[in-house]
All heavy atoms as atom14 arrays in JSON, in Angstrom:
{
  "sequence": "NTAFDAYPLCDQCYEEYRDMNNRRCHGETIACHDCGPRLLAKMRG",
  "atom14_mask": [
    [1, 1, 1, 1, 1, 1, 1, 1, 0, 0, 0, 0, 0, 0],
    [1, 1, 1, 1, 1, 1, 1, 0, 0, 0, 0, 0, 0, 0],
    [1, 1, 1, 1, 1, 0, 0, 0, 0, 0, 0, 0, 0, 0],
    [1, 1, 1, 1, 1, 1, 1, 1, 1, 1, 1, 0, 0, 0],
    [1, 1, 1, 1, 1, 1, 1, 1, 0, 0, 0, 0, 0, 0],
    [1, 1, 1, 1, 1, 0, 0, 0, 0, 0, 0, 0, 0, 0],
    [1, 1, 1, 1, 1, 1, 1, 1, 1, 1, 1, 1, 0, 0],
    [1, 1, 1, 1, 1, 1, 1, 0, 0, 0, 0, 0, 0, 0],
    [1, 1, 1, 1, 1, 1, 1, 1, 0, 0, 0, 0, 0, 0],
    [1, 1, 1, 1, 1, 1, 0, 0, 0, 0, 0, 0, 0, 0],
    [1, 1, 1, 1, 1, 1, 1, 1, 0, 0, 0, 0, 0, 0],
    [1, 1, 1, 1, 1, 1, 1, 1, 1, 0, 0, 0, 0, 0],
    [1, 1, 1, 1, 1, 1, 0, 0, 0, 0, 0, 0, 0, 0],
    [1, 1, 1, 1, 1, 1, 1, 1, 1, 1, 1, 1, 0, 0],
    [1, 1, 1, 1, 1, 1, 1, 1, 1, 0, 0, 0, 0, 0],
    [1, 1, 1, 1, 1, 1, 1, 1, 1, 0, 0, 0, 0, 0],
    [1, 1, 1, 1, 1, 1, 1, 1, 1, 1, 1, 1, 0, 0],
    [1, 1, 1, 1, 1, 1, 1, 1, 1, 1, 1, 0, 0, 0],
    [1, 1, 1, 1, 1, 1, 1, 1, 0, 0, 0, 0, 0, 0],
    [1, 1, 1, 1, 1, 1, 1, 1, 0, 0, 0, 0, 0, 0],
    [1, 1, 1, 1, 1, 1, 1, 1, 0, 0, 0, 0, 0, 0],
    [1, 1, 1, 1, 1, 1, 1, 1, 0, 0, 0, 0, 0, 0],
    [1, 1, 1, 1, 1, 1, 1, 1, 1, 1, 1, 0, 0, 0],
    [1, 1, 1, 1, 1, 1, 1, 1, 1, 1, 1, 0, 0, 0],
    [1, 1, 1, 1, 1, 1, 0, 0, 0, 0, 0, 0, 0, 0],
    [1, 1, 1, 1, 1, 1, 1, 1, 1, 1, 0, 0, 0, 0],
    [1, 1, 1, 1, 0, 0, 0, 0, 0, 0, 0, 0, 0, 0],
    [1, 1, 1, 1, 1, 1, 1, 1, 1, 0, 0, 0, 0, 0],
    [1, 1, 1, 1, 1, 1, 1, 0, 0, 0, 0, 0, 0, 0],
    [1, 1, 1, 1, 1, 1, 1, 1, 0, 0, 0, 0, 0, 0],
    [1, 1, 1, 1, 1, 0, 0, 0, 0, 0, 0, 0, 0, 0],
    [1, 1, 1, 1, 1, 1, 0, 0, 0, 0, 0, 0, 0, 0],
    [1, 1, 1, 1, 1, 1, 1, 1, 1, 1, 0, 0, 0, 0],
    [1, 1, 1, 1, 1, 1, 1, 1, 0, 0, 0, 0, 0, 0],
    [1, 1, 1, 1, 1, 1, 0, 0, 0, 0, 0, 0, 0, 0],
    [1, 1, 1, 1, 0, 0, 0, 0, 0, 0, 0, 0, 0, 0],
    [1, 1, 1, 1, 1, 1, 1, 0, 0, 0, 0, 0, 0, 0],
    [1, 1, 1, 1, 1, 1, 1, 1, 1, 1, 1, 0, 0, 0],
    [1, 1, 1, 1, 1, 1, 1, 1, 0, 0, 0, 0, 0, 0],
    [1, 1, 1, 1, 1, 1, 1, 1, 0, 0, 0, 0, 0, 0],
    [1, 1, 1, 1, 1, 0, 0, 0, 0, 0, 0, 0, 0, 0],
    [1, 1, 1, 1, 1, 1, 1, 1, 1, 0, 0, 0, 0, 0],
    [1, 1, 1, 1, 1, 1, 1, 1, 0, 0, 0, 0, 0, 0],
    [1, 1, 1, 1, 1, 1, 1, 1, 1, 1, 1, 0, 0, 0],
    [1, 1, 1, 1, 0, 0, 0, 0, 0, 0, 0, 0, 0, 0]
  ],
  "atom14_positions": [
    [[10.47, -0.07, 1.62], [11.6, -0.5, 2.43], [11.37, -1.85, 3.1], [12.09, -2.26, 3.98], [11.93, 0.52, 3.52], [12.4, 1.84, 2.92], [12.93, 1.88, 1.83], [12.18, 2.94, 3.62], [0.0, 0.0, 0.0], [0.0, 0.0, 0.0], [0.0, 0.0, 0.0], [0.0, 0.0, 0.0], [0.0, 0.0, 0.0], [0.0, 0.0, 0.0]],
    [[10.33, -2.58, 2.66], [10.02, -3.88, 3.21], [10.03, -4.94, 2.12], [10.15, -4.61, 0.88], [8.64, -3.92, 3.87], [7.61, -3.9, 2.82], [8.41, -2.72, 4.79], [0.0, 0.0, 0.0], [0.0, 0.0, 0.0], [0.0, 0.0, 0.0], [0.0, 0.0, 0.0], [0.0, 0.0, 0.0], [0.0, 0.0, 0.0], [0.0, 0.0, 0.0]],
    [[9.95, -6.22, 2.53], [9.9, -7.32, 1.55], [8.66, -7.24, 0.67], [8.62, -7.89, -0.39], [9.95, -8.66, 2.3], [0.0, 0.0, 0.0], [0.0, 0.0, 0.0], [0.0, 0.0, 0.0], [0.0, 0.0, 0.0], [0.0, 0.0, 0.0], [0.0, 0.0, 0.0], [0.0, 0.0, 0.0], [0.0, 0.0, 0.0], [0.0, 0.0, 0.0]],
    [[7.67, -6.45, 1.11], [6.43, -6.33, 0.31], [6.58, -5.42, -0.9], [5.63, -5.23, -1.66], [5.27, -5.88, 1.21], [4.66, -7.0, 2.0], [5.29, -7.5, 3.13], [3.44, -7.52, 1.63], [4.73, -8.56, 3.83], [2.86, -8.57, 2.35], [3.51, -9.07, 3.45], [0.0, 0.0, 0.0], [0.0, 0.0, 0.0], [0.0, 0.0, 0.0]],
    [[7.76, -4.84, -1.06], [7.96, -3.97, -2.24], [7.91, -4.8, -3.53], [7.73, -4.27, -4.62], [9.26, -3.22, -2.17], [10.5, -4.11, -2.23], [10.37, -5.32, -1.95], [11.6, -3.62, -2.54], [0.0, 0.0, 0.0], [0.0, 0.0, 0.0], [0.0, 0.0, 0.0], [0.0, 0.0, 0.0], [0.0, 0.0, 0.0], [0.0, 0.0, 0.0]],
    [[8.08, -6.13, -3.4], [7.99, -7.02, -4.55], [6.59, -7.34, -4.98], [6.36, -8.01, -6.0], [8.74, -8.33, -4.27], [0.0, 0.0, 0.0], [0.0, 0.0, 0.0], [0.0, 0.0, 0.0], [0.0, 0.0, 0.0], [0.0, 0.0, 0.0], [0.0, 0.0, 0.0], [0.0, 0.0, 0.0], [0.0, 0.0, 0.0], [0.0, 0.0, 0.0]],
    [[5.6, -6.85, -4.19], [4.2, -7.14, -4.45], [3.42, -5.81, -4.62], [2.86, -5.3, -3.66], [3.61, -7.94, -3.3], [4.29, -9.26, -3.08], [5.32, -9.35, -2.14], [3.95, -10.38, -3.81], [5.98, -10.58, -1.94], [4.58, -11.57, -3.63], [5.59, -11.68, -2.69], [6.24, -12.89, -2.49], [0.0, 0.0, 0.0], [0.0, 0.0, 0.0]],
    [[3.38, -5.29, -5.89], [2.59, -4.08, -6.11], [1.12, -4.3, -5.77], [0.54, -5.31, -6.04], [2.75, -3.85, -7.64], [3.99, -4.6, -8.0], [4.04, -5.8, -7.09], [0.0, 0.0, 0.0], [0.0, 0.0, 0.0], [0.0, 0.0, 0.0], [0.0, 0.0, 0.0], [0.0, 0.0, 0.0], [0.0, 0.0, 0.0], [0.0, 0.0, 0.0]],
    [[0.53, -3.28, -5.14], [-0.89, -3.39, -4.75], [-1.81, -3.43, -5.92], [-1.63, -2.73, -6.91], [-1.25, -2.2, -3.84], [-0.55, -2.07, -2.51], [-0.83, -0.71, -1.87], [-0.98, -3.19, -1.58], [0.0, 0.0, 0.0], [0.0, 0.0, 0.0], [0.0, 0.0, 0.0], [0.0, 0.0, 0.0], [0.0, 0.0, 0.0], [0.0, 0.0, 0.0]],
    [[-2.84, -4.29, -5.82], [-3.9, -4.32, -6.81], [-4.73, -3.05, -6.63], [-4.59, -2.31, -5.64], [-4.74, -5.56, -6.71], [-5.69, -5.68, -5.17], [0.0, 0.0, 0.0], [0.0, 0.0, 0.0], [0.0, 0.0, 0.0], [0.0, 0.0, 0.0], [0.0, 0.0, 0.0], [0.0, 0.0, 0.0], [0.0, 0.0, 0.0], [0.0, 0.0, 0.0]],
    [[-5.64, -2.78, -7.58], [-6.47, -1.57, -7.49], [-7.25, -1.45, -6.22], [-7.33, -0.39, -5.61], [-7.42, -1.49, -8.7], [-6.69, -1.28, -10.01], [-5.53, -0.87, -9.98], [-7.3, -1.49, -11.08], [0.0, 0.0, 0.0], [0.0, 0.0, 0.0], [0.0, 0.0, 0.0], [0.0, 0.0, 0.0], [0.0, 0.0, 0.0], [0.0, 0.0, 0.0]],
    [[-7.84, -2.6, -5.78], [-8.69, -2.57, -4.55], [-7.82, -2.31, -3.31], [-8.23, -1.5, -2.46], [-9.48, -3.85, -4.41], [-10.63, -3.97, -5.37], [-11.4, -5.26, -5.17], [-10.98, -6.35, -5.61], [-12.53, -5.18, -4.49], [0.0, 0.0, 0.0], [0.0, 0.0, 0.0], [0.0, 0.0, 0.0], [0.0, 0.0, 0.0], [0.0, 0.0, 0.0]],
    [[-6.7, -2.96, -3.21], [-5.83, -2.73, -2.07], [-5.25, -1.33, -2.06], [-5.09, -0.67, -1.03], [-4.67, -3.75, -2.08], [-5.15, -5.41, -1.52], [0.0, 0.0, 0.0], [0.0, 0.0, 0.0], [0.0, 0.0, 0.0], [0.0, 0.0, 0.0], [0.0, 0.0, 0.0], [0.0, 0.0, 0.0], [0.0, 0.0, 0.0], [0.0, 0.0, 0.0]],
    [[-4.95, -0.81, -3.27], [-4.43, 0.56, -3.36], [-5.45, 1.6, -2.9], [-5.12, 2.57, -2.21], [-4.03, 0.87, -4.8], [-3.4, 2.23, -4.99], [-2.2, 2.53, -4.39], [-4.01, 3.19, -5.77], [-1.6, 3.79, -4.58], [-3.43, 4.44, -5.97], [-2.21, 4.71, -5.33], [-1.68, 5.97, -5.49], [0.0, 0.0, 0.0], [0.0, 0.0, 0.0]],
    [[-6.74, 1.36, -3.23], [-7.78, 2.25, -2.75], [-7.86, 2.22, -1.23], [-8.07, 3.26, -0.57], [-9.14, 1.89, -3.4], [-9.26, 2.31, -4.85], [-9.02, 3.8, -5.03], [-9.63, 4.59, -4.3], [-8.26, 4.18, -5.98], [0.0, 0.0, 0.0], [0.0, 0.0, 0.0], [0.0, 0.0, 0.0], [0.0, 0.0, 0.0], [0.0, 0.0, 0.0]],
    [[-7.8, 1.04, -0.67], [-7.8, 0.93, 0.84], [-6.61, 1.61, 1.43], [-6.73, 2.29, 2.45], [-7.78, -0.6, 1.22], [-9.03, -1.32, 0.88], [-8.93, -2.79, 1.14], [-7.78, -3.34, 1.2], [-9.96, -3.49, 1.32], [0.0, 0.0, 0.0], [0.0, 0.0, 0.0], [0.0, 0.0, 0.0], [0.0, 0.0, 0.0], [0.0, 0.0, 0.0]],
    [[-5.45, 1.48, 0.78], [-4.2, 2.09, 1.32], [-4.32, 3.62, 1.33], [-3.76, 4.26, 2.22], [-3.05, 1.66, 0.43], [-1.69, 2.09, 0.89], [-0.96, 1.37, 1.81], [-1.1, 3.27, 0.39], [0.3, 1.78, 2.23], [0.12, 3.7, 0.79], [0.82, 2.97, 1.73], [2.06, 3.36, 2.15], [0.0, 0.0, 0.0], [0.0, 0.0, 0.0]],
    [[-5.07, 4.21, 0.37], [-5.14, 5.63, 0.24], [-6.32, 6.22, 1.04], [-6.37, 7.42, 1.31], [-5.3, 6.04, -1.22], [-4.09, 5.72, -2.07], [-4.34, 6.03, -3.53], [-4.61, 7.42, -3.76], [-5.73, 7.91, -4.24], [-6.74, 7.1, -4.53], [-5.93, 9.19, -4.44], [0.0, 0.0, 0.0], [0.0, 0.0, 0.0], [0.0, 0.0, 0.0]],
    [[-7.33, 5.39, 1.39], [-8.54, 5.89, 2.01], [-8.32, 6.1, 3.52], [-8.11, 5.16, 4.29], [-9.66, 4.82, 1.82], [-10.98, 5.3, 2.39], [-11.06, 6.38, 2.97], [-11.94, 4.51, 2.34], [0.0, 0.0, 0.0], [0.0, 0.0, 0.0], [0.0, 0.0, 0.0], [0.0, 0.0, 0.0], [0.0, 0.0, 0.0], [0.0, 0.0, 0.0]],
    [[-8.35, 7.4, 3.91], [-8.05, 7.74, 5.31], [-9.05, 7.14, 6.29], [-8.73, 6.97, 7.47], [-8.0, 9.27, 5.43], [-7.18, 9.77, 6.63], [-5.49, 9.23, 6.58], [-4.88, 10.14, 5.15], [0.0, 0.0, 0.0], [0.0, 0.0, 0.0], [0.0, 0.0, 0.0], [0.0, 0.0, 0.0], [0.0, 0.0, 0.0], [0.0, 0.0, 0.0]],
    [[-10.22, 6.78, 5.84], [-11.24, 6.2, 6.72], [-11.2, 4.7, 6.77], [-12.01, 4.08, 7.46], [-12.63, 6.69, 6.29], [-12.82, 8.16, 6.47], [-12.45, 8.71, 7.51], [-13.35, 8.83, 5.45], [0.0, 0.0, 0.0], [0.0, 0.0, 0.0], [0.0, 0.0, 0.0], [0.0, 0.0, 0.0], [0.0, 0.0, 0.0], [0.0, 0.0, 0.0]],
    [[-10.27, 4.09, 6.03], [-10.18, 2.66, 6.01], [-9.09, 2.19, 7.01], [-8.07, 2.83, 7.12], [-9.77, 2.19, 4.58], [-9.93, 0.7, 4.38], [-9.19, -0.1, 4.96], [-10.87, 0.31, 3.54], [0.0, 0.0, 0.0], [0.0, 0.0, 0.0], [0.0, 0.0, 0.0], [0.0, 0.0, 0.0], [0.0, 0.0, 0.0], [0.0, 0.0, 0.0]],
    [[-9.34, 1.07, 7.67], [-8.39, 0.65, 8.68], [-7.07, 0.15, 8.09], [-6.1, -0.16, 8.79], [-8.98, -0.4, 9.62], [-9.05, -1.79, 9.12], [-9.5, -2.76, 10.24], [-9.13, -4.14, 10.0], [-9.74, -4.95, 9.17], [-10.84, -4.57, 8.57], [-9.32, -6.19, 9.07], [0.0, 0.0, 0.0], [0.0, 0.0, 0.0], [0.0, 0.0, 0.0]],
    [[-7.03, 0.03, 6.75], [-5.81, -0.39, 6.07], [-5.05, 0.76, 5.46], [-4.07, 0.58, 4.73], [-6.11, -1.46, 5.0], [-6.47, -2.81, 5.6], [-6.54, -3.94, 4.59], [-6.62, -5.18, 5.23], [-7.74, -5.82, 5.55], [-8.9, -5.26, 5.27], [-7.73, -6.96, 6.17], [0.0, 0.0, 0.0], [0.0, 0.0, 0.0], [0.0, 0.0, 0.0]],
    [[-5.51, 1.98, 5.72], [-4.83, 3.18, 5.23], [-3.38, 3.21, 5.72], [-3.11, 3.12, 6.93], [-5.56, 4.46, 5.67], [-4.76, 5.93, 5.03], [0.0, 0.0, 0.0], [0.0, 0.0, 0.0], [0.0, 0.0, 0.0], [0.0, 0.0, 0.0], [0.0, 0.0, 0.0], [0.0, 0.0, 0.0], [0.0, 0.0, 0.0], [0.0, 0.0, 0.0]],
    [[-2.41, 3.27, 4.81], [-0.99, 3.27, 5.13], [-0.58, 1.99, 5.84], [0.42, 1.97, 6.59], [-0.6, 4.51, 5.95], [-0.52, 5.77, 5.17], [0.49, 6.03, 4.25], [-1.37, 6.82, 5.1], [0.24, 7.2, 3.69], [-0.87, 7.7, 4.17], [0.0, 0.0, 0.0], [0.0, 0.0, 0.0], [0.0, 0.0, 0.0], [0.0, 0.0, 0.0]],
    [[-1.32, 0.9, 5.57], [-0.88, -0.41, 6.11], [0.18, -0.96, 5.17], [-0.17, -1.44, 4.04], [0.0, 0.0, 0.0], [0.0, 0.0, 0.0], [0.0, 0.0, 0.0], [0.0, 0.0, 0.0], [0.0, 0.0, 0.0], [0.0, 0.0, 0.0], [0.0, 0.0, 0.0], [0.0, 0.0, 0.0], [0.0, 0.0, 0.0], [0.0, 0.0, 0.0]],
    [[1.44, -0.89, 5.54], [2.53, -1.17, 4.6], [2.56, -2.61, 4.15], [3.16, -2.97, 3.11], [3.89, -0.78, 5.25], [3.94, 0.62, 5.79], [3.65, 1.71, 4.74], [3.66, 1.4, 3.53], [3.39, 2.89, 5.14], [0.0, 0.0, 0.0], [0.0, 0.0, 0.0], [0.0, 0.0, 0.0], [0.0, 0.0, 0.0], [0.0, 0.0, 0.0]],
    [[1.96, -3.55, 4.88], [2.01, -4.97, 4.51], [0.68, -5.53, 4.04], [0.52, -6.74, 3.92], [2.5, -5.83, 5.73], [1.56, -5.66, 6.82], [3.87, -5.43, 6.2], [0.0, 0.0, 0.0], [0.0, 0.0, 0.0], [0.0, 0.0, 0.0], [0.0, 0.0, 0.0], [0.0, 0.0, 0.0], [0.0, 0.0, 0.0], [0.0, 0.0, 0.0]],
    [[-0.25, -4.64, 3.7], [-1.56, -5.17, 3.26], [-1.4, -5.84, 1.89], [-0.54, -5.48, 1.09], [-2.64, -4.06, 3.19], [-2.32, -3.02, 2.12], [-2.82, -3.41, 4.52], [-3.49, -2.07, 1.81], [0.0, 0.0, 0.0], [0.0, 0.0, 0.0], [0.0, 0.0, 0.0], [0.0, 0.0, 0.0], [0.0, 0.0, 0.0], [0.0, 0.0, 0.0]],
    [[-2.21, -6.87, 1.66], [-2.17, -7.63, 0.38], [-3.45, -8.46, 0.34], [-4.25, -8.43, 1.26], [-0.94, -8.53, 0.37], [0.0, 0.0, 0.0], [0.0, 0.0, 0.0], [0.0, 0.0, 0.0], [0.0, 0.0, 0.0], [0.0, 0.0, 0.0], [0.0, 0.0, 0.0], [0.0, 0.0, 0.0], [0.0, 0.0, 0.0], [0.0, 0.0, 0.0]],
    [[-3.61, -9.15, -0.76], [-4.77, -10.05, -0.89], [-4.44, -11.17, -1.86], [-3.27, -11.29, -2.32], [-5.99, -9.27, -1.42], [-5.86, -8.72, -3.14], [0.0, 0.0, 0.0], [0.0, 0.0, 0.0], [0.0, 0.0, 0.0], [0.0, 0.0, 0.0], [0.0, 0.0, 0.0], [0.0, 0.0, 0.0], [0.0, 0.0, 0.0], [0.0, 0.0, 0.0]],
    [[-5.36, -12.07, -2.16], [-5.09, -13.17, -3.09], [-4.57, -12.69, -4.43], [-3.82, -13.41, -5.08], [-6.44, -13.95, -3.32], [-6.91, -14.66, -2.11], [-6.28, -15.75, -1.55], [-8.06, -14.45, -1.33], [-6.98, -16.19, -0.51], [-8.02, -15.39, -0.36], [0.0, 0.0, 0.0], [0.0, 0.0, 0.0], [0.0, 0.0, 0.0], [0.0, 0.0, 0.0]],
    [[-4.99, -11.49, -4.86], [-4.65, -11.03, -6.21], [-3.27, -10.38, -6.28], [-2.62, -10.4, -7.37], [-5.68, -9.98, -6.72], [-7.06, -10.63, -6.91], [-7.1, -11.84, -7.24], [-8.06, -9.92, -6.7], [0.0, 0.0, 0.0], [0.0, 0.0, 0.0], [0.0, 0.0, 0.0], [0.0, 0.0, 0.0], [0.0, 0.0, 0.0], [0.0, 0.0, 0.0]],
    [[-2.77, -9.8, -5.21], [-1.53, -9.05, -5.29], [-0.45, -9.38, -4.28], [0.65, -8.86, -4.34], [-1.82, -7.55, -5.2], [-2.48, -6.99, -3.61], [0.0, 0.0, 0.0], [0.0, 0.0, 0.0], [0.0, 0.0, 0.0], [0.0, 0.0, 0.0], [0.0, 0.0, 0.0], [0.0, 0.0, 0.0], [0.0, 0.0, 0.0], [0.0, 0.0, 0.0]],
    [[-0.76, -10.26, -3.33], [0.23, -10.56, -2.27], [0.92, -11.9, -2.4], [0.72, -12.61, -3.39], [0.0, 0.0, 0.0], [0.0, 0.0, 0.0], [0.0, 0.0, 0.0], [0.0, 0.0, 0.0], [0.0, 0.0, 0.0], [0.0, 0.0, 0.0], [0.0, 0.0, 0.0], [0.0, 0.0, 0.0], [0.0, 0.0, 0.0], [0.0, 0.0, 0.0]],
    [[1.69, -12.29, -1.38], [2.33, -13.61, -1.36], [1.26, -14.69, -1.38], [0.14, -14.48, -0.94], [3.1, -13.6, -0.03], [3.19, -12.18, 0.37], [2.01, -11.47, -0.17], [0.0, 0.0, 0.0], [0.0, 0.0, 0.0], [0.0, 0.0, 0.0], [0.0, 0.0, 0.0], [0.0, 0.0, 0.0], [0.0, 0.0, 0.0], [0.0, 0.0, 0.0]],
    [[1.64, -15.86, -1.92], [0.69, -16.97, -2.04], [1.19, -18.2, -1.28], [2.39, -18.38, -1.11], [0.44, -17.29, -3.48], [-0.16, -16.15, -4.26], [-0.51, -16.51, -5.68], [-1.07, -15.34, -6.4], [-1.5, -15.39, -7.63], [-1.38, -16.55, -8.32], [-2.01, -14.32, -8.23], [0.0, 0.0, 0.0], [0.0, 0.0, 0.0], [0.0, 0.0, 0.0]],
    [[0.23, -19.02, -0.85], [0.55, -20.24, -0.14], [0.88, -21.36, -1.1], [0.13, -21.67, -2.01], [-0.68, -20.65, 0.71], [-0.52, -21.76, 1.75], [0.51, -21.34, 2.81], [-1.84, -22.06, 2.4], [0.0, 0.0, 0.0], [0.0, 0.0, 0.0], [0.0, 0.0, 0.0], [0.0, 0.0, 0.0], [0.0, 0.0, 0.0], [0.0, 0.0, 0.0]],
    [[2.09, -21.97, -0.9], [2.54, -23.07, -1.7], [2.97, -24.2, -0.8], [3.25, -24.02, 0.38], [3.69, -22.66, -2.6], [3.42, -21.57, -3.67], [4.72, -21.15, -4.32], [2.41, -22.06, -4.67], [0.0, 0.0, 0.0], [0.0, 0.0, 0.0], [0.0, 0.0, 0.0], [0.0, 0.0, 0.0], [0.0, 0.0, 0.0], [0.0, 0.0, 0.0]],
    [[3.05, -25.39, -1.32], [3.52, -26.58, -0.58], [4.54, -27.35, -1.37], [4.54, -27.39, -2.59], [2.33, -27.47, -0.22], [0.0, 0.0, 0.0], [0.0, 0.0, 0.0], [0.0, 0.0, 0.0], [0.0, 0.0, 0.0], [0.0, 0.0, 0.0], [0.0, 0.0, 0.0], [0.0, 0.0, 0.0], [0.0, 0.0, 0.0], [0.0, 0.0, 0.0]],
    [[5.47, -28.01, -0.65], [6.45, -28.84, -1.26], [6.61, -30.11, -0.46], [6.91, -30.05, 0.76], [7.8, -28.12, -1.38], [8.87, -28.92, -2.13], [10.12, -28.08, -2.28], [11.19, -28.89, -3.03], [12.45, -28.12, -3.18], [0.0, 0.0, 0.0], [0.0, 0.0, 0.0], [0.0, 0.0, 0.0], [0.0, 0.0, 0.0], [0.0, 0.0, 0.0]],
    [[6.33, -31.27, -1.03], [6.47, -32.54, -0.33], [7.94, -32.97, -0.36], [8.67, -32.71, -1.33], [5.57, -33.61, -0.98], [4.1, -33.3, -0.91], [3.46, -33.3, 0.76], [3.48, -35.03, 1.13], [0.0, 0.0, 0.0], [0.0, 0.0, 0.0], [0.0, 0.0, 0.0], [0.0, 0.0, 0.0], [0.0, 0.0, 0.0], [0.0, 0.0, 0.0]],
    [[8.36, -33.68, 0.68], [9.73, -34.16, 0.73], [10.05, -35.01, -0.5], [9.3, -35.93, -0.83], [9.93, -34.98, 2.03], [11.37, -35.44, 2.25], [11.51, -36.01, 3.65], [10.53, -37.06, 3.9], [10.35, -37.63, 5.09], [11.05, -37.19, 6.13], [9.48, -38.57, 5.25], [0.0, 0.0, 0.0], [0.0, 0.0, 0.0], [0.0, 0.0, 0.0]],
    [[11.15, -34.71, -1.14], [11.54, -35.49, -2.32], [11.02, -34.91, -3.61], [11.45, -35.3, -4.69], [0.0, 0.0, 0.0], [0.0, 0.0, 0.0], [0.0, 0.0, 0.0], [0.0, 0.0, 0.0], [0.0, 0.0, 0.0], [0.0, 0.0, 0.0], [0.0, 0.0, 0.0], [0.0, 0.0, 0.0], [0.0, 0.0, 0.0], [0.0, 0.0, 0.0]]
  ]
}
């Protein structure tokens, strides 16, 4: 139900999401370089 639904979790993030002892368990916005939003730049013109 968030904008992160467009970014399926990679295997490592998915394991963190499912691991009850991990501080990212059920973290709905967790991501990383491999599966999340990326930093881009656009110069004027």
